Amino acid sequence: MNRHEFFQTSLISSLMDGVYEDEMSIAELLSHGSFGLGTFNGLDGEMVILDGRCFQLRGDGTTRPALMSQHTPYATVTNFVPSHRLEINQTLHRSDLSRLIDGLLPSANYMYALRISGHVGWVTTRTVVQQAKPYRPMVEATDGEEVVRAEDLDGVFVGFRTPVYQGGISVPGCHVHFIDDTRTLGGHVVDFEISNGSVEVCVGTDLRLRLPVTTEFEHADLAPADLAAQMAKTEHSTI
């Protein structure tokens, strides 16, 4: 196995505590990787990075290329180099595909970037809405988010599978965003049905972690007793 680095700015536990601003620009983020996901300052939508292009998926349903001058409080990126591949030639739901991917991965102890491409019968997503100060914890900010369903389209799922031991650093399990091939819709994945396509896996052996140097981060509660429950409620999307 060759070594491969993932880059992450800030911690998921920081985001959970309402630290929604940082000085990491999209331009700087893209210098660390051409594939990834995250969010934008103020929780102004979901982020998808594909082939070196960053897209902003907003709460009002619009999708647009992100500006290089925008900033992110949390994101994970890598230069995607697939080492494992699985063809999809039957109708699968999220849980079905999860079991197939389990059999594809060499170990539960590494990090994995996932690129799932193909024809989607339907996909349900939700998208964070821009917040105003004073910022609430994420479990409150995302409470009541609308789930949107799209049908009969082609698109890409961008995801990261993270070992349980990284809870608090990243989202344990799988964190997945979706964007369609026309780059007009997408969001944080809830569930889906895919009928044909492919799964590509990039193994991550090294994690480069960048922490914010802000007053908000300095005073954040990064290890609350109910952290696992908070993440399960706000980020749950297992693949």
C-alpha atoms as a PDB file:
ATOM      1  CA  MET A   1       0.000   0.000   0.000  1.00  0.00           C
ATOM      2  CA  ASN A   2       1.324   3.427  -0.945  1.00  0.00           C
ATOM      3  CA  ARG A   3       1.082   6.330   1.492  1.00  0.00           C
ATOM      4  CA  HIS A   4      -1.501   8.944   0.606  1.00  0.00           C
ATOM      5  CA  GLU A   5      -2.367  12.157   2.457  1.00  0.00           C
ATOM      6  CA  PHE A   6      -5.731  13.677   3.319  1.00  0.00           C
ATOM      7  CA  PHE A   7      -5.821  17.328   4.389  1.00  0.00           C
ATOM      8  CA  GLN A   8      -8.391  18.660   6.834  1.00  0.00           C
ATOM      9  CA  THR A   9      -8.984  22.139   8.152  1.00  0.00           C
ATOM     10  CA  SER A  10     -10.439  22.349  11.683  1.00  0.00           C
ATOM     11  CA  LEU A  11     -12.390  19.673  13.590  1.00  0.00           C
ATOM     12  CA  ILE A  12     -15.934  18.376  13.277  1.00  0.00           C
ATOM     13  CA  SER A  13     -16.298  18.915  17.049  1.00  0.00           C
ATOM     14  CA  SER A  14     -15.455  22.589  16.512  1.00  0.00           C
ATOM     15  CA  LEU A  15     -18.209  22.859  13.909  1.00  0.00           C
ATOM     16  CA  MET A  16     -20.616  21.117  16.283  1.00  0.00           C
ATOM     17  CA  ASP A  17     -19.901  23.832  18.879  1.00  0.00           C
ATOM     18  CA  GLY A  18     -20.786  26.659  16.481  1.00  0.00           C
ATOM     19  CA  VAL A  19     -17.328  27.718  15.266  1.00  0.00           C
ATOM     20  CA  TYR A  20     -18.484  28.642  11.772  1.00  0.00           C
ATOM     21  CA  GLU A  21     -15.745  31.024  10.640  1.00  0.00           C
ATOM     22  CA  ASP A  22     -12.076  30.679   9.749  1.00  0.00           C
ATOM     23  CA  GLU A  23      -9.534  32.356   7.490  1.00  0.00           C
ATOM     24  CA  MET A  24      -8.950  29.317   5.216  1.00  0.00           C
ATOM     25  CA  SER A  25      -9.825  30.504   1.691  1.00  0.00           C
ATOM     26  CA  ILE A  26     -11.111  28.229  -1.058  1.00  0.00           C
ATOM     27  CA  ALA A  27      -8.012  29.112  -3.087  1.00  0.00           C
ATOM     28  CA  GLU A  28      -5.755  27.870  -0.286  1.00  0.00           C
ATOM     29  CA  LEU A  29      -7.923  24.796   0.308  1.00  0.00           C
ATOM     30  CA  LEU A  30      -7.628  23.772  -3.348  1.00  0.00           C
ATOM     31  CA  SER A  31      -3.843  23.915  -3.067  1.00  0.00           C
ATOM     32  CA  HIS A  32      -4.147  20.899  -0.746  1.00  0.00           C
ATOM     33  CA  GLY A  33      -6.426  18.739  -2.884  1.00  0.00           C
ATOM     34  CA  SER A  34      -8.709  18.520  -5.919  1.00  0.00           C
ATOM     35  CA  PHE A  35     -11.430  16.330  -4.359  1.00  0.00           C
ATOM     36  CA  GLY A  36     -13.360  16.910  -1.174  1.00  0.00           C
ATOM     37  CA  LEU A  37     -16.237  18.293   0.821  1.00  0.00           C
ATOM     38  CA  GLY A  38     -17.025  20.679   3.652  1.00  0.00           C
ATOM     39  CA  THR A  39     -19.004  23.834   4.289  1.00  0.00           C
ATOM     40  CA  PHE A  40     -18.589  27.603   4.017  1.00  0.00           C
ATOM     41  CA  ASN A  41     -18.227  30.356   6.594  1.00  0.00           C
ATOM     42  CA  GLY A  42     -21.481  30.961   8.408  1.00  0.00           C
ATOM     43  CA  LEU A  43     -22.684  27.487   7.313  1.00  0.00           C
ATOM     44  CA  ASP A  44     -23.616  29.066   3.981  1.00  0.00           C
ATOM     45  CA  GLY A  45     -24.322  25.796   2.195  1.00  0.00           C
ATOM     46  CA  GLU A  46     -22.596  22.491   1.532  1.00  0.00           C
ATOM     47  CA  MET A  47     -19.316  22.134  -0.370  1.00  0.00           C
ATOM     48  CA  VAL A  48     -18.335  19.692  -3.109  1.00  0.00           C
ATOM     49  CA  ILE A  49     -14.896  19.676  -4.746  1.00  0.00           C
ATOM     50  CA  LEU A  50     -14.500  17.663  -7.953  1.00  0.00           C
ATOM     51  CA  ASP A  51     -11.571  17.696 -10.372  1.00  0.00           C
ATOM     52  CA  GLY A  52     -10.183  20.835  -8.762  1.00  0.00           C
ATOM     53  CA  ARG A  53     -13.470  22.783  -8.966  1.00  0.00           C
ATOM     54  CA  CYS A  54     -15.300  23.874  -5.836  1.00  0.00           C
ATOM     55  CA  PHE A  55     -19.106  24.157  -5.805  1.00  0.00           C
ATOM     56  CA  GLN A  56     -21.378  25.806  -3.247  1.00  0.00           C
ATOM     57  CA  LEU A  57     -24.703  24.035  -2.678  1.00  0.00           C
ATOM     58  CA  ARG A  58     -26.951  26.532  -0.919  1.00  0.00           C
ATOM     59  CA  GLY A  59     -29.980  26.201   1.308  1.00  0.00           C
ATOM     60  CA  ASP A  60     -32.271  27.857  -1.260  1.00  0.00           C
ATOM     61  CA  GLY A  61     -31.631  25.056  -3.732  1.00  0.00           C
ATOM     62  CA  THR A  62     -29.171  26.903  -5.973  1.00  0.00           C
ATOM     63  CA  THR A  63     -25.742  25.597  -6.897  1.00  0.00           C
ATOM     64  CA  ARG A  64     -22.845  27.727  -8.091  1.00  0.00           C
ATOM     65  CA  PRO A  65     -19.062  27.647  -8.475  1.00  0.00           C
ATOM     66  CA  ALA A  66     -17.488  28.913  -5.276  1.00  0.00           C
ATOM     67  CA  LEU A  67     -15.352  32.044  -5.356  1.00  0.00           C
ATOM     68  CA  MET A  68     -11.669  31.612  -4.575  1.00  0.00           C
ATOM     69  CA  SER A  69     -12.056  34.391  -1.990  1.00  0.00           C
ATOM     70  CA  GLN A  70     -14.731  32.564   0.013  1.00  0.00           C
ATOM     71  CA  HIS A  71     -13.730  30.853   3.254  1.00  0.00           C
ATOM     72  CA  THR A  72     -14.393  27.561   4.995  1.00  0.00           C
ATOM     73  CA  PRO A  73     -14.553  26.658   8.698  1.00  0.00           C
ATOM     74  CA  TYR A  74     -14.321  22.913   8.004  1.00  0.00           C
ATOM     75  CA  ALA A  75     -13.348  20.820   4.976  1.00  0.00           C
ATOM     76  CA  THR A  76     -11.496  17.659   3.976  1.00  0.00           C
ATOM     77  CA  VAL A  77      -9.657  17.308   0.659  1.00  0.00           C
ATOM     78  CA  THR A  78      -7.219  15.039  -1.133  1.00  0.00           C
ATOM     79  CA  ASN A  79      -5.850  14.422  -4.594  1.00  0.00           C
ATOM     80  CA  PHE A  80      -8.023  11.471  -5.535  1.00  0.00           C
ATOM     81  CA  VAL A  81      -6.001   8.440  -6.680  1.00  0.00           C
ATOM     82  CA  PRO A  82      -8.279   5.374  -6.861  1.00  0.00           C
ATOM     83  CA  SER A  83      -6.867   2.051  -5.729  1.00  0.00           C
ATOM     84  CA  HIS A  84     -10.085   0.017  -5.611  1.00  0.00           C
ATOM     85  CA  ARG A  85     -13.047  -0.007  -7.986  1.00  0.00           C
ATOM     86  CA  LEU A  86     -16.503  -1.594  -7.983  1.00  0.00           C
ATOM     87  CA  GLU A  87     -18.977  -1.636 -10.872  1.00  0.00           C
ATOM     88  CA  ILE A  88     -22.665  -1.090 -10.080  1.00  0.00           C
ATOM     89  CA  ASN A  89     -25.005  -2.999 -12.394  1.00  0.00           C
ATOM     90  CA  GLN A  90     -28.051  -3.492 -10.182  1.00  0.00           C
ATOM     91  CA  THR A  91     -30.406  -1.294  -8.221  1.00  0.00           C
ATOM     92  CA  LEU A  92     -28.952  -0.499  -4.797  1.00  0.00           C
ATOM     93  CA  HIS A  93     -30.006   1.643  -1.875  1.00  0.00           C
ATOM     94  CA  ARG A  94     -27.581   3.296   0.516  1.00  0.00           C
ATOM     95  CA  SER A  95     -27.480   0.354   2.933  1.00  0.00           C
ATOM     96  CA  ASP A  96     -26.980  -2.166   0.088  1.00  0.00           C
ATOM     97  CA  LEU A  97     -24.054  -0.248  -1.330  1.00  0.00           C
ATOM     98  CA  SER A  98     -22.553   0.151   2.131  1.00  0.00           C
ATOM     99  CA  ARG A  99     -22.294  -3.611   2.530  1.00  0.00           C
ATOM    100  CA  LEU A 100     -20.634  -3.978  -0.878  1.00  0.00           C
ATOM    101  CA  ILE A 101     -18.099  -1.273  -0.033  1.00  0.00           C
ATOM    102  CA  ASP A 102     -17.345  -3.020   3.268  1.00  0.00           C
ATOM    103  CA  GLY A 103     -16.167  -6.020   1.274  1.00  0.00           C
ATOM    104  CA  LEU A 104     -14.045  -3.840  -0.995  1.00  0.00           C
ATOM    105  CA  LEU A 105     -12.024  -2.066   1.699  1.00  0.00           C
ATOM    106  CA  PRO A 106      -8.773  -3.645   2.933  1.00  0.00           C
ATOM    107  CA  SER A 107      -9.232  -2.548   6.579  1.00  0.00           C
ATOM    108  CA  ALA A 108     -11.550  -0.589   8.850  1.00  0.00           C
ATOM    109  CA  ASN A 109      -8.564   1.275  10.289  1.00  0.00           C
ATOM    110  CA  TYR A 110      -7.680   3.545   7.363  1.00  0.00           C
ATOM    111  CA  MET A 111      -9.404   6.605   5.952  1.00  0.00           C
ATOM    112  CA  TYR A 112     -11.068   6.383   2.550  1.00  0.00           C
ATOM    113  CA  ALA A 113     -12.220   8.882  -0.035  1.00  0.00           C
ATOM    114  CA  LEU A 114     -15.175   7.609  -2.098  1.00  0.00           C
ATOM    115  CA  ARG A 115     -16.288   8.720  -5.534  1.00  0.00           C
ATOM    116  CA  ILE A 116     -19.570   7.103  -6.595  1.00  0.00           C
ATOM    117  CA  SER A 117     -20.753   8.009 -10.089  1.00  0.00           C
ATOM    118  CA  GLY A 118     -23.761   6.839 -12.032  1.00  0.00           C
ATOM    119  CA  HIS A 119     -27.473   6.997 -12.712  1.00  0.00           C
ATOM    120  CA  VAL A 120     -29.565   7.750  -9.654  1.00  0.00           C
ATOM    121  CA  GLY A 121     -33.213   6.727  -9.526  1.00  0.00           C
ATOM    122  CA  TRP A 122     -33.691   9.114  -6.629  1.00  0.00           C
ATOM    123  CA  VAL A 123     -31.636  10.872  -4.007  1.00  0.00           C
ATOM    124  CA  THR A 124     -32.699  12.709  -0.859  1.00  0.00           C
ATOM    125  CA  THR A 125     -30.514  15.521   0.435  1.00  0.00           C
ATOM    126  CA  ARG A 126     -30.565  18.339   2.933  1.00  0.00           C
ATOM    127  CA  THR A 127     -28.501  21.511   2.975  1.00  0.00           C
ATOM    128  CA  VAL A 128     -27.367  23.772   5.791  1.00  0.00           C
ATOM    129  CA  VAL A 129     -28.704  27.324   5.699  1.00  0.00           C
ATOM    130  CA  GLN A 130     -26.553  30.384   6.307  1.00  0.00           C
ATOM    131  CA  GLN A 131     -26.516  31.330   9.987  1.00  0.00           C
ATOM    132  CA  ALA A 132     -26.461  34.721  11.678  1.00  0.00           C
ATOM    133  CA  LYS A 133     -24.481  35.675  14.773  1.00  0.00           C
ATOM    134  CA  PRO A 134     -24.543  34.807  17.596  1.00  0.00           C
ATOM    135  CA  TYR A 135     -24.044  31.337  16.161  1.00  0.00           C
ATOM    136  CA  ARG A 136     -25.980  28.443  17.657  1.00  0.00           C
ATOM    137  CA  PRO A 137     -24.490  24.936  18.040  1.00  0.00           C
ATOM    138  CA  MET A 138     -24.840  22.918  14.859  1.00  0.00           C
ATOM    139  CA  VAL A 139     -27.411  20.520  16.315  1.00  0.00           C
ATOM    140  CA  GLU A 140     -29.704  23.533  16.731  1.00  0.00           C
ATOM    141  CA  ALA A 141     -28.729  25.240  13.460  1.00  0.00           C
ATOM    142  CA  THR A 142     -29.612  22.130  11.425  1.00  0.00           C
ATOM    143  CA  ASP A 143     -32.768  21.219  13.328  1.00  0.00           C
ATOM    144  CA  GLY A 144     -35.763  21.134  10.994  1.00  0.00           C
ATOM    145  CA  GLU A 145     -33.778  21.173   7.744  1.00  0.00           C
ATOM    146  CA  GLU A 146     -35.924  20.379   4.735  1.00  0.00           C
ATOM    147  CA  VAL A 147     -35.210  17.079   2.988  1.00  0.00           C
ATOM    148  CA  VAL A 148     -35.320  17.445  -0.805  1.00  0.00           C
ATOM    149  CA  ARG A 149     -35.871  14.558  -3.230  1.00  0.00           C
ATOM    150  CA  ALA A 150     -34.621  14.513  -6.830  1.00  0.00           C
ATOM    151  CA  GLU A 151     -35.355  11.728  -9.323  1.00  0.00           C
ATOM    152  CA  ASP A 152     -33.944  10.189 -12.513  1.00  0.00           C
ATOM    153  CA  LEU A 153     -30.605  11.956 -12.849  1.00  0.00           C
ATOM    154  CA  ASP A 154     -26.897  11.330 -13.246  1.00  0.00           C
ATOM    155  CA  GLY A 155     -24.482  12.559 -10.637  1.00  0.00           C
ATOM    156  CA  VAL A 156     -21.555  12.049  -8.281  1.00  0.00           C
ATOM    157  CA  PHE A 157     -21.396  11.240  -4.585  1.00  0.00           C
ATOM    158  CA  VAL A 158     -18.311  12.662  -2.866  1.00  0.00           C
ATOM    159  CA  GLY A 159     -17.574  11.021   0.461  1.00  0.00           C
ATOM    160  CA  PHE A 160     -15.049  10.252   3.157  1.00  0.00           C
ATOM    161  CA  ARG A 161     -15.161   7.126   5.331  1.00  0.00           C
ATOM    162  CA  THR A 162     -13.478   7.712   8.663  1.00  0.00           C
ATOM    163  CA  PRO A 163     -12.583   5.210  11.412  1.00  0.00           C
ATOM    164  CA  VAL A 164     -14.497   5.447  14.683  1.00  0.00           C
ATOM    165  CA  TYR A 165     -11.285   6.318  16.559  1.00  0.00           C
ATOM    166  CA  GLN A 166     -11.234   9.675  14.734  1.00  0.00           C
ATOM    167  CA  GLY A 167     -14.543  10.759  16.276  1.00  0.00           C
ATOM    168  CA  GLY A 168     -14.315  14.454  17.149  1.00  0.00           C
ATOM    169  CA  ILE A 169     -11.666  15.044  14.467  1.00  0.00           C
ATOM    170  CA  SER A 170     -13.779  13.948  11.504  1.00  0.00           C
ATOM    171  CA  VAL A 171     -17.254  12.469  11.054  1.00  0.00           C
ATOM    172  CA  PRO A 172     -16.961   8.822  12.154  1.00  0.00           C
ATOM    173  CA  GLY A 173     -18.451   6.547   9.537  1.00  0.00           C
ATOM    174  CA  CYS A 174     -19.203   8.153   6.190  1.00  0.00           C
ATOM    175  CA  HIS A 175     -19.789  11.807   5.334  1.00  0.00           C
ATOM    176  CA  VAL A 176     -21.268  12.182   1.834  1.00  0.00           C
ATOM    177  CA  HIS A 177     -22.382  15.031  -0.416  1.00  0.00           C
ATOM    178  CA  PHE A 178     -24.023  14.764  -3.849  1.00  0.00           C
ATOM    179  CA  ILE A 179     -23.986  16.935  -6.954  1.00  0.00           C
ATOM    180  CA  ASP A 180     -25.677  16.157 -10.266  1.00  0.00           C
ATOM    181  CA  ASP A 181     -23.825  16.115 -13.577  1.00  0.00           C
ATOM    182  CA  THR A 182     -25.349  19.439 -14.667  1.00  0.00           C
ATOM    183  CA  ARG A 183     -23.973  21.001 -11.442  1.00  0.00           C
ATOM    184  CA  THR A 184     -27.384  22.518 -10.669  1.00  0.00           C
ATOM    185  CA  LEU A 185     -28.473  20.618  -7.547  1.00  0.00           C
ATOM    186  CA  GLY A 186     -27.107  18.630  -4.644  1.00  0.00           C
ATOM    187  CA  GLY A 187     -26.575  18.572  -0.912  1.00  0.00           C
ATOM    188  CA  HIS A 188     -25.765  16.472   2.136  1.00  0.00           C
ATOM    189  CA  VAL A 189     -26.902  12.924   1.384  1.00  0.00           C
ATOM    190  CA  VAL A 190     -29.690  11.300   3.374  1.00  0.00           C
ATOM    191  CA  ASP A 191     -30.476   8.274   1.164  1.00  0.00           C
ATOM    192  CA  PHE A 192     -30.501   7.246  -2.495  1.00  0.00           C
ATOM    193  CA  GLU A 193     -31.178   4.567  -5.098  1.00  0.00           C
ATOM    194  CA  ILE A 194     -28.531   3.988  -7.776  1.00  0.00           C
ATOM    195  CA  SER A 195     -29.008   1.574 -10.678  1.00  0.00           C
ATOM    196  CA  ASN A 196     -25.699   1.636 -12.559  1.00  0.00           C
ATOM    197  CA  GLY A 197     -22.304   3.275 -12.275  1.00  0.00           C
ATOM    198  CA  SER A 198     -19.106   2.785 -10.336  1.00  0.00           C
ATOM    199  CA  VAL A 199     -17.493   3.158  -6.930  1.00  0.00           C
ATOM    200  CA  GLU A 200     -13.890   4.314  -6.738  1.00  0.00           C
ATOM    201  CA  VAL A 201     -11.937   4.250  -3.485  1.00  0.00           C
ATOM    202  CA  CYS A 202      -8.833   6.215  -2.543  1.00  0.00           C
ATOM    203  CA  VAL A 203      -7.031   4.959   0.586  1.00  0.00           C
ATOM    204  CA  GLY A 204      -5.744   7.558   3.039  1.00  0.00           C
ATOM    205  CA  THR A 205      -2.830   6.622   5.310  1.00  0.00           C
ATOM    206  CA  ASP A 206      -1.774  10.124   6.447  1.00  0.00           C
ATOM    207  CA  LEU A 207      -3.875  12.964   7.865  1.00  0.00           C
ATOM    208  CA  ARG A 208      -2.602  16.531   7.801  1.00  0.00           C
ATOM    209  CA  LEU A 209      -4.675  18.541  10.241  1.00  0.00           C
ATOM    210  CA  ARG A 210      -4.816  22.338  10.372  1.00  0.00           C
ATOM    211  CA  LEU A 211      -6.378  24.000  13.433  1.00  0.00           C
ATOM    212  CA  PRO A 212      -7.847  27.525  13.409  1.00  0.00           C
ATOM    213  CA  VAL A 213      -6.067  30.271  15.341  1.00  0.00           C
ATOM    214  CA  THR A 214      -9.177  32.171  16.371  1.00  0.00           C
ATOM    215  CA  THR A 215     -10.636  33.210  19.709  1.00  0.00           C
ATOM    216  CA  GLU A 216     -13.775  31.181  18.972  1.00  0.00           C
ATOM    217  CA  PHE A 217     -11.747  28.009  18.468  1.00  0.00           C
ATOM    218  CA  GLU A 218      -9.675  28.669  21.579  1.00  0.00           C
ATOM    219  CA  HIS A 219     -12.826  28.755  23.709  1.00  0.00           C
ATOM    220  CA  ALA A 220     -14.786  26.002  21.947  1.00  0.00           C
ATOM    221  CA  ASP A 221     -15.942  22.915  23.861  1.00  0.00           C
ATOM    222  CA  LEU A 222     -14.415  20.191  21.702  1.00  0.00           C
ATOM    223  CA  ALA A 223     -15.258  17.196  23.873  1.00  0.00           C
ATOM    224  CA  PRO A 224     -18.847  17.462  25.167  1.00  0.00           C
ATOM    225  CA  ALA A 225     -20.301  14.342  26.750  1.00  0.00           C
ATOM    226  CA  ASP A 226     -22.956  14.057  24.024  1.00  0.00           C
ATOM    227  CA  LEU A 227     -20.678  14.669  21.024  1.00  0.00           C
ATOM    228  CA  ALA A 228     -21.473  11.310  19.418  1.00  0.00           C
ATOM    229  CA  ALA A 229     -25.199  11.959  19.710  1.00  0.00           C
ATOM    230  CA  GLN A 230     -24.821  15.444  18.218  1.00  0.00           C
ATOM    231  CA  MET A 231     -22.926  14.109  15.196  1.00  0.00           C
ATOM    232  CA  ALA A 232     -25.393  11.270  14.707  1.00  0.00           C
ATOM    233  CA  LYS A 233     -28.218  13.789  14.496  1.00  0.00           C
ATOM    234  CA  THR A 234     -26.526  16.349  12.230  1.00  0.00           C
ATOM    235  CA  GLU A 235     -24.220  14.296   9.991  1.00  0.00           C
ATOM    236  CA  HIS A 236     -25.703  10.805   9.737  1.00  0.00           C
ATOM    237  CA  SER A 237     -25.335   9.342   6.234  1.00  0.00           C
ATOM    238  CA  THR A 238     -23.652   5.942   6.314  1.00  0.00           C
ATOM    239  CA  ILE A 239     -22.221   4.380   3.180  1.00  0.00           C
END
